[in-house]
PDB file of N, CA and C in Angstrom:
ATOM      1  N   MET A   1     -13.437  -5.938  48.120  1.00  0.00           N
ATOM      2  CA  MET A   1     -12.916  -4.997  47.156  1.00  0.00           C
ATOM      3  C   MET A   1     -14.033  -4.033  46.776  1.00  0.00           C
ATOM      4  N   LYS A   2     -13.694  -2.765  46.620  1.00  0.00           N
ATOM      5  CA  LYS A   2     -14.681  -1.759  46.277  1.00  0.00           C
ATOM      6  C   LYS A   2     -15.223  -2.002  44.878  1.00  0.00           C
ATOM      7  N   ALA A   3     -16.540  -1.749  44.704  1.00  0.00           N
ATOM      8  CA  ALA A   3     -17.191  -2.006  43.421  1.00  0.00           C
ATOM      9  C   ALA A   3     -16.572  -1.168  42.302  1.00  0.00           C
ATOM     10  N   GLY A   4     -16.195   0.085  42.589  1.00  0.00           N
ATOM     11  CA  GLY A   4     -15.596   0.943  41.574  1.00  0.00           C
ATOM     12  C   GLY A   4     -14.279   0.400  41.064  1.00  0.00           C
ATOM     13  N   LEU A   5     -13.494  -0.160  41.989  1.00  0.00           N
ATOM     14  CA  LEU A   5     -12.197  -0.728  41.608  1.00  0.00           C
ATOM     15  C   LEU A   5     -12.380  -2.044  40.859  1.00  0.00           C
ATOM     16  N   LYS A   6     -13.345  -2.842  41.303  1.00  0.00           N
ATOM     17  CA  LYS A   6     -13.556  -4.153  40.702  1.00  0.00           C
ATOM     18  C   LYS A   6     -13.952  -4.046  39.231  1.00  0.00           C
ATOM     19  N   LYS A   7     -14.696  -2.994  38.861  1.00  0.00           N
ATOM     20  CA  LYS A   7     -15.118  -2.881  37.465  1.00  0.00           C
ATOM     21  C   LYS A   7     -13.947  -2.584  36.533  1.00  0.00           C
ATOM     22  N   TRP A   8     -12.813  -2.134  37.088  1.00  0.00           N
ATOM     23  CA  TRP A   8     -11.636  -1.826  36.276  1.00  0.00           C
ATOM     24  C   TRP A   8     -10.638  -2.967  36.203  1.00  0.00           C
ATOM     25  N   ILE A   9     -10.790  -3.969  37.073  1.00  0.00           N
ATOM     26  CA  ILE A   9      -9.831  -5.062  37.118  1.00  0.00           C
ATOM     27  C   ILE A   9      -9.745  -5.790  35.776  1.00  0.00           C
ATOM     28  N   LEU A  10     -10.888  -6.174  35.226  1.00  0.00           N
ATOM     29  CA  LEU A  10     -10.854  -6.946  33.988  1.00  0.00           C
ATOM     30  C   LEU A  10     -10.353  -6.134  32.799  1.00  0.00           C
ATOM     31  N   PRO A  11     -10.839  -4.908  32.555  1.00  0.00           N
ATOM     32  CA  PRO A  11     -10.295  -4.176  31.402  1.00  0.00           C
ATOM     33  C   PRO A  11      -8.808  -3.845  31.551  1.00  0.00           C
ATOM     34  N   LEU A  12      -8.393  -3.400  32.739  1.00  0.00           N
ATOM     35  CA  LEU A  12      -6.980  -3.086  32.939  1.00  0.00           C
ATOM     36  C   LEU A  12      -6.127  -4.353  32.926  1.00  0.00           C
ATOM     37  N   GLY A  13      -6.665  -5.405  33.507  1.00  0.00           N
ATOM     38  CA  GLY A  13      -5.964  -6.690  33.471  1.00  0.00           C
ATOM     39  C   GLY A  13      -5.825  -7.209  32.047  1.00  0.00           C
ATOM     40  N   GLY A  14      -6.845  -7.002  31.229  1.00  0.00           N
ATOM     41  CA  GLY A  14      -6.775  -7.404  29.822  1.00  0.00           C
ATOM     42  C   GLY A  14      -5.704  -6.634  29.064  1.00  0.00           C
ATOM     43  N   VAL A  15      -5.639  -5.332  29.304  1.00  0.00           N
ATOM     44  CA  VAL A  15      -4.603  -4.512  28.650  1.00  0.00           C
ATOM     45  C   VAL A  15      -3.217  -4.970  29.105  1.00  0.00           C
ATOM     46  N   LEU A  16      -3.043  -5.177  30.406  1.00  0.00           N
ATOM     47  CA  LEU A  16      -1.757  -5.621  30.938  1.00  0.00           C
ATOM     48  C   LEU A  16      -1.376  -6.988  30.368  1.00  0.00           C
ATOM     49  N   THR A  17      -2.324  -7.909  30.350  1.00  0.00           N
ATOM     50  CA  THR A  17      -2.056  -9.248  29.836  1.00  0.00           C
ATOM     51  C   THR A  17      -1.700  -9.199  28.357  1.00  0.00           C
ATOM     52  N   GLY A  18      -2.452  -8.432  27.577  1.00  0.00           N
ATOM     53  CA  GLY A  18      -2.148  -8.297  26.154  1.00  0.00           C
ATOM     54  C   GLY A  18      -0.791  -7.664  25.916  1.00  0.00           C
ATOM     55  N   PHE A  19      -0.481  -6.633  26.690  1.00  0.00           N
ATOM     56  CA  PHE A  19       0.814  -5.953  26.568  1.00  0.00           C
ATOM     57  C   PHE A  19       1.959  -6.915  26.869  1.00  0.00           C
ATOM     58  N   LEU A  20       1.851  -7.619  27.994  1.00  0.00           N
ATOM     59  CA  LEU A  20       2.907  -8.563  28.379  1.00  0.00           C
ATOM     60  C   LEU A  20       3.015  -9.720  27.392  1.00  0.00           C
ATOM     61  N   ASN A  21       1.875 -10.162  26.875  1.00  0.00           N
ATOM     62  CA  ASN A  21       1.887 -11.245  25.901  1.00  0.00           C
ATOM     63  C   ASN A  21       2.575 -10.806  24.609  1.00  0.00           C
ATOM     64  N   GLY A  22       2.295  -9.588  24.164  1.00  0.00           N
ATOM     65  CA  GLY A  22       2.946  -9.077  22.966  1.00  0.00           C
ATOM     66  C   GLY A  22       4.423  -8.848  23.172  1.00  0.00           C
ATOM     67  N   LEU A  23       4.798  -8.460  24.367  1.00  0.00           N
ATOM     68  CA  LEU A  23       6.191  -8.149  24.676  1.00  0.00           C
ATOM     69  C   LEU A  23       7.016  -9.389  24.993  1.00  0.00           C
ATOM     70  N   PHE A  24       6.459 -10.291  25.798  1.00  0.00           N
ATOM     71  CA  PHE A  24       7.207 -11.445  26.290  1.00  0.00           C
ATOM     72  C   PHE A  24       6.722 -12.785  25.747  1.00  0.00           C
ATOM     73  N   GLY A  25       5.737 -12.802  24.911  1.00  0.00           N
ATOM     74  CA  GLY A  25       5.166 -14.064  24.459  1.00  0.00           C
ATOM     75  C   GLY A  25       4.052 -14.485  25.405  1.00  0.00           C
ATOM     76  N   ALA A  26       3.806 -15.756  25.501  1.00  0.00           N
ATOM     77  CA  ALA A  26       2.690 -16.241  26.307  1.00  0.00           C
ATOM     78  C   ALA A  26       2.872 -15.983  27.798  1.00  0.00           C
ATOM     79  N   GLY A  27       3.948 -15.325  28.189  1.00  0.00           N
ATOM     80  CA  GLY A  27       4.154 -14.939  29.583  1.00  0.00           C
ATOM     81  C   GLY A  27       3.048 -14.030  30.095  1.00  0.00           C
ATOM     82  N   GLY A  28       2.245 -13.497  29.179  1.00  0.00           N
ATOM     83  CA  GLY A  28       1.098 -12.696  29.602  1.00  0.00           C
ATOM     84  C   GLY A  28       0.122 -13.495  30.449  1.00  0.00           C
ATOM     85  N   GLY A  29       0.171 -14.812  30.311  1.00  0.00           N
ATOM     86  CA  GLY A  29      -0.689 -15.666  31.128  1.00  0.00           C
ATOM     87  C   GLY A  29      -0.380 -15.556  32.601  1.00  0.00           C
ATOM     88  N   MET A  30       0.862 -15.186  32.922  1.00  0.00           N
ATOM     89  CA  MET A  30       1.228 -15.006  34.325  1.00  0.00           C
ATOM     90  C   MET A  30       0.463 -13.845  34.936  1.00  0.00           C
ATOM     91  N   SER A  31       0.138 -12.849  34.132  1.00  0.00           N
ATOM     92  CA  SER A  31      -0.662 -11.736  34.653  1.00  0.00           C
ATOM     93  C   SER A  31      -2.149 -12.052  34.589  1.00  0.00           C
ATOM     94  N   ALA A  32      -2.548 -12.935  33.684  1.00  0.00           N
ATOM     95  CA  ALA A  32      -3.967 -13.276  33.556  1.00  0.00           C
ATOM     96  C   ALA A  32      -4.474 -14.030  34.778  1.00  0.00           C
ATOM     97  N   VAL A  33      -3.655 -14.910  35.332  1.00  0.00           N
ATOM     98  CA  VAL A  33      -4.103 -15.731  36.467  1.00  0.00           C
ATOM     99  C   VAL A  33      -4.513 -14.866  37.661  1.00  0.00           C
ATOM    100  N   PRO A  34      -3.670 -13.934  38.140  1.00  0.00           N
ATOM    101  CA  PRO A  34      -4.104 -13.121  39.281  1.00  0.00           C
ATOM    102  C   PRO A  34      -5.310 -12.228  38.962  1.00  0.00           C
ATOM    103  N   VAL A  35      -5.393 -11.759  37.729  1.00  0.00           N
ATOM    104  CA  VAL A  35      -6.540 -10.926  37.347  1.00  0.00           C
ATOM    105  C   VAL A  35      -7.818 -11.752  37.383  1.00  0.00           C
ATOM    106  N   LEU A  36      -7.755 -12.955  36.851  1.00  0.00           N
ATOM    107  CA  LEU A  36      -8.933 -13.824  36.855  1.00  0.00           C
ATOM    108  C   LEU A  36      -9.317 -14.233  38.276  1.00  0.00           C
ATOM    109  N   LYS A  37      -8.315 -14.453  39.132  1.00  0.00           N
ATOM    110  CA  LYS A  37      -8.616 -14.758  40.540  1.00  0.00           C
ATOM    111  C   LYS A  37      -9.271 -13.563  41.218  1.00  0.00           C
ATOM    112  N   ALA A  38      -8.788 -12.351  40.917  1.00  0.00           N
ATOM    113  CA  ALA A  38      -9.369 -11.144  41.508  1.00  0.00           C
ATOM    114  C   ALA A  38     -10.800 -10.928  41.040  1.00  0.00           C
ATOM    115  N   SER A  39     -11.120 -11.479  39.869  1.00  0.00           N
ATOM    116  CA  SER A  39     -12.488 -11.333  39.369  1.00  0.00           C
ATOM    117  C   SER A  39     -13.435 -12.356  39.994  1.00  0.00           C
ATOM    118  N   GLY A  40     -12.887 -13.260  40.824  1.00  0.00           N
ATOM    119  CA  GLY A  40     -13.749 -14.176  41.562  1.00  0.00           C
ATOM    120  C   GLY A  40     -13.599 -15.642  41.201  1.00  0.00           C
ATOM    121  N   LEU A  41     -12.717 -15.988  40.267  1.00  0.00           N
ATOM    122  CA  LEU A  41     -12.535 -17.399  39.907  1.00  0.00           C
ATOM    123  C   LEU A  41     -11.628 -18.095  40.925  1.00  0.00           C
ATOM    124  N   ASP A  42     -11.874 -19.394  41.133  1.00  0.00           N
ATOM    125  CA  ASP A  42     -10.981 -20.158  42.001  1.00  0.00           C
ATOM    126  C   ASP A  42      -9.671 -20.406  41.255  1.00  0.00           C
ATOM    127  N   THR A  43      -8.672 -20.894  41.964  1.00  0.00           N
ATOM    128  CA  THR A  43      -7.329 -21.052  41.404  1.00  0.00           C
ATOM    129  C   THR A  43      -7.317 -21.911  40.145  1.00  0.00           C
ATOM    130  N   ASN A  44      -7.928 -23.101  40.201  1.00  0.00           N
ATOM    131  CA  ASN A  44      -7.912 -23.994  39.045  1.00  0.00           C
ATOM    132  C   ASN A  44      -8.624 -23.362  37.852  1.00  0.00           C
ATOM    133  N   SER A  45      -9.756 -22.725  38.080  1.00  0.00           N
ATOM    134  CA  SER A  45     -10.486 -22.084  36.985  1.00  0.00           C
ATOM    135  C   SER A  45      -9.707 -20.910  36.413  1.00  0.00           C
ATOM    136  N   ALA A  46      -9.016 -20.173  37.267  1.00  0.00           N
ATOM    137  CA  ALA A  46      -8.214 -19.043  36.785  1.00  0.00           C
ATOM    138  C   ALA A  46      -7.092 -19.529  35.877  1.00  0.00           C
ATOM    139  N   HIS A  47      -6.444 -20.628  36.251  1.00  0.00           N
ATOM    140  CA  HIS A  47      -5.377 -21.177  35.408  1.00  0.00           C
ATOM    141  C   HIS A  47      -5.944 -21.677  34.081  1.00  0.00           C
ATOM    142  N   ALA A  48      -7.066 -22.385  34.130  1.00  0.00           N
ATOM    143  CA  ALA A  48      -7.676 -22.899  32.900  1.00  0.00           C
ATOM    144  C   ALA A  48      -8.139 -21.749  32.006  1.00  0.00           C
ATOM    145  N   ASN A  49      -8.772 -20.749  32.586  1.00  0.00           N
ATOM    146  CA  ASN A  49      -9.271 -19.627  31.798  1.00  0.00           C
ATOM    147  C   ASN A  49      -8.147 -18.747  31.255  1.00  0.00           C
ATOM    148  N   SER A  50      -7.009 -18.718  31.939  1.00  0.00           N
ATOM    149  CA  SER A  50      -5.896 -17.922  31.422  1.00  0.00           C
ATOM    150  C   SER A  50      -5.443 -18.470  30.071  1.00  0.00           C
ATOM    151  N   VAL A  51      -5.532 -19.779  29.896  1.00  0.00           N
ATOM    152  CA  VAL A  51      -5.186 -20.380  28.607  1.00  0.00           C
ATOM    153  C   VAL A  51      -6.164 -19.905  27.535  1.00  0.00           C
ATOM    154  N   ALA A  52      -7.458 -19.852  27.884  1.00  0.00           N
ATOM    155  CA  ALA A  52      -8.453 -19.383  26.918  1.00  0.00           C
ATOM    156  C   ALA A  52      -8.221 -17.920  26.551  1.00  0.00           C
ATOM    157  N   VAL A  53      -7.666 -17.152  27.471  1.00  0.00           N
ATOM    158  CA  VAL A  53      -7.347 -15.748  27.205  1.00  0.00           C
ATOM    159  C   VAL A  53      -6.091 -15.642  26.341  1.00  0.00           C
ATOM    160  N   ILE A  54      -5.095 -16.457  26.648  1.00  0.00           N
ATOM    161  CA  ILE A  54      -3.801 -16.363  25.978  1.00  0.00           C
ATOM    162  C   ILE A  54      -3.849 -16.876  24.540  1.00  0.00           C
ATOM    163  N   VAL A  55      -4.700 -17.847  24.240  1.00  0.00           N
ATOM    164  CA  VAL A  55      -4.736 -18.401  22.875  1.00  0.00           C
ATOM    165  C   VAL A  55      -5.003 -17.320  21.825  1.00  0.00           C
ATOM    166  N   PRO A  56      -6.092 -16.549  21.938  1.00  0.00           N
ATOM    167  CA  PRO A  56      -6.298 -15.524  20.903  1.00  0.00           C
ATOM    168  C   PRO A  56      -5.250 -14.415  20.946  1.00  0.00           C
ATOM    169  N   LEU A  57      -4.777 -14.058  22.144  1.00  0.00           N
ATOM    170  CA  LEU A  57      -3.740 -13.034  22.238  1.00  0.00           C
ATOM    171  C   LEU A  57      -2.449 -13.515  21.587  1.00  0.00           C
ATOM    172  N   SER A  58      -2.092 -14.768  21.825  1.00  0.00           N
ATOM    173  CA  SER A  58      -0.881 -15.324  21.229  1.00  0.00           C
ATOM    174  C   SER A  58      -1.012 -15.443  19.716  1.00  0.00           C
ATOM    175  N   ALA A  59      -2.187 -15.852  19.247  1.00  0.00           N
ATOM    176  CA  ALA A  59      -2.405 -15.952  17.800  1.00  0.00           C
ATOM    177  C   ALA A  59      -2.270 -14.575  17.151  1.00  0.00           C
ATOM    178  N   PHE A  60      -2.828 -13.561  17.780  1.00  0.00           N
ATOM    179  CA  PHE A  60      -2.741 -12.204  17.248  1.00  0.00           C
ATOM    180  C   PHE A  60      -1.297 -11.708  17.247  1.00  0.00           C
ATOM    181  N   SER A  61      -0.600 -11.897  18.374  1.00  0.00           N
ATOM    182  CA  SER A  61       0.803 -11.480  18.468  1.00  0.00           C
ATOM    183  C   SER A  61       1.658 -12.229  17.450  1.00  0.00           C
ATOM    184  N   ALA A  62       1.434 -13.544  17.333  1.00  0.00           N
ATOM    185  CA  ALA A  62       2.214 -14.346  16.378  1.00  0.00           C
ATOM    186  C   ALA A  62       1.985 -13.866  14.952  1.00  0.00           C
ATOM    187  N   THR A  63       0.747 -13.531  14.634  1.00  0.00           N
ATOM    188  CA  THR A  63       0.434 -13.014  13.293  1.00  0.00           C
ATOM    189  C   THR A  63       1.197 -11.724  13.029  1.00  0.00           C
ATOM    190  N   LEU A  64       1.204 -10.829  14.002  1.00  0.00           N
ATOM    191  CA  LEU A  64       1.936  -9.573  13.829  1.00  0.00           C
ATOM    192  C   LEU A  64       3.431  -9.823  13.671  1.00  0.00           C
ATOM    193  N   TYR A  65       3.989 -10.734  14.467  1.00  0.00           N
ATOM    194  CA  TYR A  65       5.414 -11.061  14.361  1.00  0.00           C
ATOM    195  C   TYR A  65       5.735 -11.691  13.005  1.00  0.00           C
ATOM    196  N   LEU A  66       4.846 -12.582  12.531  1.00  0.00           N
ATOM    197  CA  LEU A  66       5.056 -13.218  11.228  1.00  0.00           C
ATOM    198  C   LEU A  66       4.984 -12.188  10.101  1.00  0.00           C
ATOM    199  N   LEU A  67       4.017 -11.281  10.188  1.00  0.00           N
ATOM    200  CA  LEU A  67       3.843 -10.271   9.142  1.00  0.00           C
ATOM    201  C   LEU A  67       5.011  -9.294   9.067  1.00  0.00           C
ATOM    202  N   ASN A  68       5.596  -8.957  10.220  1.00  0.00           N
ATOM    203  CA  ASN A  68       6.717  -8.008  10.171  1.00  0.00           C
ATOM    204  C   ASN A  68       8.073  -8.707  10.042  1.00  0.00           C
ATOM    205  N   GLY A  69       8.063 -10.043   9.918  1.00  0.00           N
ATOM    206  CA  GLY A  69       9.295 -10.781   9.653  1.00  0.00           C
ATOM    207  C   GLY A  69      10.151 -11.081  10.865  1.00  0.00           C
ATOM    208  N   THR A  70       9.637 -10.811  12.067  1.00  0.00           N
ATOM    209  CA  THR A  70      10.393 -11.086  13.289  1.00  0.00           C
ATOM    210  C   THR A  70      10.509 -12.581  13.552  1.00  0.00           C
ATOM    211  N   VAL A  71       9.504 -13.332  13.122  1.00  0.00           N
ATOM    212  CA  VAL A  71       9.438 -14.766  13.377  1.00  0.00           C
ATOM    213  C   VAL A  71       9.251 -15.509  12.057  1.00  0.00           C
ATOM    214  N   LYS A  72       9.918 -16.662  11.953  1.00  0.00           N
ATOM    215  CA  LYS A  72       9.670 -17.564  10.833  1.00  0.00           C
ATOM    216  C   LYS A  72       8.936 -18.777  11.396  1.00  0.00           C
ATOM    217  N   PHE A  73       7.823 -19.135  10.783  1.00  0.00           N
ATOM    218  CA  PHE A  73       7.033 -20.261  11.249  1.00  0.00           C
ATOM    219  C   PHE A  73       7.872 -21.537  11.278  1.00  0.00           C
ATOM    220  N   SER A  74       8.796 -21.669  10.344  1.00  0.00           N
ATOM    221  CA  SER A  74       9.640 -22.870  10.289  1.00  0.00           C
ATOM    222  C   SER A  74      10.509 -23.013  11.540  1.00  0.00           C
ATOM    223  N   ASP A  75      10.841 -21.906  12.190  1.00  0.00           N
ATOM    224  CA  ASP A  75      11.620 -21.978  13.437  1.00  0.00           C
ATOM    225  C   ASP A  75      10.775 -22.500  14.595  1.00  0.00           C
ATOM    226  N   ALA A  76       9.498 -22.181  14.593  1.00  0.00           N
ATOM    227  CA  ALA A  76       8.606 -22.585  15.680  1.00  0.00           C
ATOM    228  C   ALA A  76       8.041 -23.993  15.480  1.00  0.00           C
ATOM    229  N   LEU A  77       7.944 -24.431  14.243  1.00  0.00           N
ATOM    230  CA  LEU A  77       7.291 -25.703  13.917  1.00  0.00           C
ATOM    231  C   LEU A  77       7.801 -26.914  14.702  1.00  0.00           C
ATOM    232  N   PRO A  78       9.099 -27.080  14.914  1.00  0.00           N
ATOM    233  CA  PRO A  78       9.555 -28.277  15.643  1.00  0.00           C
ATOM    234  C   PRO A  78       9.044 -28.371  17.087  1.00  0.00           C
ATOM    235  N   TYR A  79       8.648 -27.254  17.687  1.00  0.00           N
ATOM    236  CA  TYR A  79       8.191 -27.254  19.084  1.00  0.00           C
ATOM    237  C   TYR A  79       6.696 -27.545  19.222  1.00  0.00           C
ATOM    238  N   ILE A  80       5.961 -27.420  18.143  1.00  0.00           N
ATOM    239  CA  ILE A  80       4.504 -27.528  18.220  1.00  0.00           C
ATOM    240  C   ILE A  80       4.031 -28.932  18.613  1.00  0.00           C
ATOM    241  N   PRO A  81       4.498 -30.022  17.992  1.00  0.00           N
ATOM    242  CA  PRO A  81       3.990 -31.349  18.399  1.00  0.00           C
ATOM    243  C   PRO A  81       4.212 -31.667  19.872  1.00  0.00           C
ATOM    244  N   SER A  82       5.424 -31.438  20.385  1.00  0.00           N
ATOM    245  CA  SER A  82       5.665 -31.746  21.802  1.00  0.00           C
ATOM    246  C   SER A  82       4.922 -30.764  22.703  1.00  0.00           C
ATOM    247  N   GLY A  83       4.747 -29.536  22.246  1.00  0.00           N
ATOM    248  CA  GLY A  83       3.959 -28.566  23.005  1.00  0.00           C
ATOM    249  C   GLY A  83       2.506 -28.985  23.130  1.00  0.00           C
ATOM    250  N   LEU A  84       1.955 -29.556  22.068  1.00  0.00           N
ATOM    251  CA  LEU A  84       0.574 -30.047  22.111  1.00  0.00           C
ATOM    252  C   LEU A  84       0.440 -31.206  23.090  1.00  0.00           C
ATOM    253  N   ILE A  85       1.433 -32.086  23.110  1.00  0.00           N
ATOM    254  CA  ILE A  85       1.421 -33.203  24.063  1.00  0.00           C
ATOM    255  C   ILE A  85       1.485 -32.661  25.499  1.00  0.00           C
ATOM    256  N   GLY A  86       2.395 -31.723  25.736  1.00  0.00           N
ATOM    257  CA  GLY A  86       2.500 -31.128  27.071  1.00  0.00           C
ATOM    258  C   GLY A  86       1.218 -30.421  27.483  1.00  0.00           C
ATOM    259  N   SER A  87       0.568 -29.752  26.544  1.00  0.00           N
ATOM    260  CA  SER A  87      -0.701 -29.071  26.834  1.00  0.00           C
ATOM    261  C   SER A  87      -1.772 -30.058  27.265  1.00  0.00           C
ATOM    262  N   ALA A  88      -1.846 -31.182  26.566  1.00  0.00           N
ATOM    263  CA  ALA A  88      -2.846 -32.198  26.906  1.00  0.00           C
ATOM    264  C   ALA A  88      -2.588 -32.768  28.294  1.00  0.00           C
ATOM    265  N   VAL A  89      -1.335 -33.045  28.600  1.00  0.00           N
ATOM    266  CA  VAL A  89      -0.985 -33.582  29.927  1.00  0.00           C
ATOM    267  C   VAL A  89      -1.321 -32.559  31.017  1.00  0.00           C
ATOM    268  N   GLY A  90      -0.952 -31.291  30.789  1.00  0.00           N
ATOM    269  CA  GLY A  90      -1.247 -30.248  31.767  1.00  0.00           C
ATOM    270  C   GLY A  90      -2.742 -30.076  31.998  1.00  0.00           C
ATOM    271  N   ALA A  91      -3.520 -30.073  30.908  1.00  0.00           N
ATOM    272  CA  ALA A  91      -4.977 -29.929  31.044  1.00  0.00           C
ATOM    273  C   ALA A  91      -5.578 -31.120  31.782  1.00  0.00           C
ATOM    274  N   PHE A  92      -5.043 -32.313  31.527  1.00  0.00           N
ATOM    275  CA  PHE A  92      -5.520 -33.514  32.213  1.00  0.00           C
ATOM    276  C   PHE A  92      -5.224 -33.451  33.713  1.00  0.00           C
ATOM    277  N   LEU A  93      -4.047 -32.928  34.061  1.00  0.00           N
ATOM    278  CA  LEU A  93      -3.626 -32.910  35.462  1.00  0.00           C
ATOM    279  C   LEU A  93      -4.185 -31.737  36.269  1.00  0.00           C
ATOM    280  N   LEU A  94      -4.604 -30.660  35.604  1.00  0.00           N
ATOM    281  CA  LEU A  94      -5.010 -29.443  36.310  1.00  0.00           C
ATOM    282  C   LEU A  94      -6.000 -29.704  37.433  1.00  0.00           C
ATOM    283  N   HIS A  95      -7.058 -30.449  37.169  1.00  0.00           N
ATOM    284  CA  HIS A  95      -8.087 -30.644  38.198  1.00  0.00           C
ATOM    285  C   HIS A  95      -7.750 -31.789  39.153  1.00  0.00           C
ATOM    286  N   ARG A  96      -6.595 -32.383  38.958  1.00  0.00           N
ATOM    287  CA  ARG A  96      -6.135 -33.430  39.865  1.00  0.00           C
ATOM    288  C   ARG A  96      -5.101 -32.910  40.856  1.00  0.00           C
ATOM    289  N   ILE A  97      -4.676 -31.688  40.663  1.00  0.00           N
ATOM    290  CA  ILE A  97      -3.698 -31.069  41.548  1.00  0.00           C
ATOM    291  C   ILE A  97      -4.427 -30.125  42.498  1.00  0.00           C
ATOM    292  N   PRO A  98      -4.266 -30.288  43.806  1.00  0.00           N
ATOM    293  CA  PRO A  98      -4.929 -29.379  44.752  1.00  0.00           C
ATOM    294  C   PRO A  98      -4.496 -27.928  44.509  1.00  0.00           C
ATOM    295  N   SER A  99      -5.427 -27.003  44.727  1.00  0.00           N
ATOM    296  CA  SER A  99      -5.158 -25.577  44.504  1.00  0.00           C
ATOM    297  C   SER A  99      -3.925 -25.101  45.241  1.00  0.00           C
ATOM    298  N   LYS A 100      -3.744 -25.585  46.455  1.00  0.00           N
ATOM    299  CA  LYS A 100      -2.576 -25.191  47.256  1.00  0.00           C
ATOM    300  C   LYS A 100      -1.284 -25.516  46.507  1.00  0.00           C
ATOM    301  N   TRP A 101      -1.190 -26.714  45.940  1.00  0.00           N
ATOM    302  CA  TRP A 101       0.015 -27.126  45.224  1.00  0.00           C
ATOM    303  C   TRP A 101       0.124 -26.440  43.870  1.00  0.00           C
ATOM    304  N   LEU A 102      -1.009 -26.185  43.251  1.00  0.00           N
ATOM    305  CA  LEU A 102      -0.990 -25.476  41.979  1.00  0.00           C
ATOM    306  C   LEU A 102      -0.415 -24.074  42.162  1.00  0.00           C
ATOM    307  N   ARG A 103      -0.819 -23.393  43.242  1.00  0.00           N
ATOM    308  CA  ARG A 103      -0.265 -22.066  43.543  1.00  0.00           C
ATOM    309  C   ARG A 103       1.231 -22.143  43.794  1.00  0.00           C
ATOM    310  N   ARG A 104       1.672 -23.167  44.523  1.00  0.00           N
ATOM    311  CA  ARG A 104       3.095 -23.323  44.820  1.00  0.00           C
ATOM    312  C   ARG A 104       3.904 -23.606  43.542  1.00  0.00           C
ATOM    313  N   ILE A 105       3.388 -24.486  42.712  1.00  0.00           N
ATOM    314  CA  ILE A 105       4.075 -24.807  41.457  1.00  0.00           C
ATOM    315  C   ILE A 105       4.157 -23.568  40.575  1.00  0.00           C
ATOM    316  N   PHE A 106       3.042 -22.853  40.468  1.00  0.00           N
ATOM    317  CA  PHE A 106       3.003 -21.633  39.656  1.00  0.00           C
ATOM    318  C   PHE A 106       3.971 -20.585  40.212  1.00  0.00           C
ATOM    319  N   GLY A 107       3.940 -20.389  41.521  1.00  0.00           N
ATOM    320  CA  GLY A 107       4.853 -19.435  42.162  1.00  0.00           C
ATOM    321  C   GLY A 107       6.304 -19.824  41.966  1.00  0.00           C
ATOM    322  N   GLY A 108       6.601 -21.109  42.080  1.00  0.00           N
ATOM    323  CA  GLY A 108       7.968 -21.581  41.859  1.00  0.00           C
ATOM    324  C   GLY A 108       8.420 -21.339  40.431  1.00  0.00           C
ATOM    325  N   PHE A 109       7.525 -21.568  39.494  1.00  0.00           N
ATOM    326  CA  PHE A 109       7.862 -21.314  38.091  1.00  0.00           C
ATOM    327  C   PHE A 109       8.122 -19.834  37.849  1.00  0.00           C
ATOM    328  N   VAL A 110       7.285 -18.974  38.408  1.00  0.00           N
ATOM    329  CA  VAL A 110       7.472 -17.525  38.253  1.00  0.00           C
ATOM    330  C   VAL A 110       8.810 -17.100  38.853  1.00  0.00           C
ATOM    331  N   LEU A 111       9.127 -17.614  40.045  1.00  0.00           N
ATOM    332  CA  LEU A 111      10.412 -17.283  40.678  1.00  0.00           C
ATOM    333  C   LEU A 111      11.588 -17.781  39.844  1.00  0.00           C
ATOM    334  N   TRP A 112      11.503 -19.022  39.372  1.00  0.00           N
ATOM    335  CA  TRP A 112      12.571 -19.581  38.545  1.00  0.00           C
ATOM    336  C   TRP A 112      12.773 -18.739  37.286  1.00  0.00           C
ATOM    337  N   ALA A 113      11.666 -18.386  36.620  1.00  0.00           N
ATOM    338  CA  ALA A 113      11.765 -17.586  35.394  1.00  0.00           C
ATOM    339  C   ALA A 113      12.368 -16.215  35.697  1.00  0.00           C
ATOM    340  N   GLY A 114      11.956 -15.603  36.804  1.00  0.00           N
ATOM    341  CA  GLY A 114      12.483 -14.288  37.173  1.00  0.00           C
ATOM    342  C   GLY A 114      13.965 -14.323  37.481  1.00  0.00           C
ATOM    343  N   VAL A 115      14.387 -15.303  38.254  1.00  0.00           N
ATOM    344  CA  VAL A 115      15.807 -15.429  38.604  1.00  0.00           C
ATOM    345  C   VAL A 115      16.628 -15.692  37.346  1.00  0.00           C
ATOM    346  N   ARG A 116      16.121 -16.570  36.498  1.00  0.00           N
ATOM    347  CA  ARG A 116      16.821 -16.892  35.256  1.00  0.00           C
ATOM    348  C   ARG A 116      17.005 -15.644  34.388  1.00  0.00           C
ATOM    349  N   LEU A 117      15.958 -14.836  34.290  1.00  0.00           N
ATOM    350  CA  LEU A 117      16.052 -13.603  33.497  1.00  0.00           C
ATOM    351  C   LEU A 117      17.008 -12.598  34.119  1.00  0.00           C
ATOM    352  N   LEU A 118      16.973 -12.491  35.444  1.00  0.00           N
ATOM    353  CA  LEU A 118      17.863 -11.537  36.114  1.00  0.00           C
ATOM    354  C   LEU A 118      19.339 -11.910  35.985  1.00  0.00           C
ATOM    355  N   LEU A 119      19.634 -13.199  35.957  1.00  0.00           N
ATOM    356  CA  LEU A 119      21.018 -13.650  35.936  1.00  0.00           C
ATOM    357  C   LEU A 119      21.617 -13.738  34.532  1.00  0.00           C
ATOM    358  N   LYS A 120      20.815 -13.582  33.528  1.00  0.00           N
ATOM    359  CA  LYS A 120      21.348 -13.645  32.142  1.00  0.00           C
ATOM    360  C   LYS A 120      21.973 -12.351  31.739  1.00  0.00           C
TER     361      LYS A 120
END
C-alpha cells in the first residue's frame, strides 16, 4: 500500500467507524476491524482492538442519546448482565479460535445482519 494512502487509513477509518457507531450502534466495530487490519494488525488483534475502539465511541454515543431523550437507561439495563457474560466468553475464546475461522464467523455474522436488514 502506498505510504500516502496508508497515513489516511486510520483517520478516515476512525471517522467512518464513529459515524457508523453513532448511526447504527456498536455496528461501527464492523468497520473498525478491516481498518485495523489495513493498519497492519493480525485478525485476532484487529478484533480485540476494535472493542477498545468501540467502547469509548459507544459511551459517547450513548451519552448523547441519553441526553437528547432517545434512549432510556432502564430499557437497556436488562441486557447489560448477560451482555457482560457474553463479552467475557468472547474475550476468552478469541485467541483460541484460528484466524481463518474467526474471519469466517465474522463474515457470516455480517452477511446474516445484512440479509436480515434487507428483508425487514
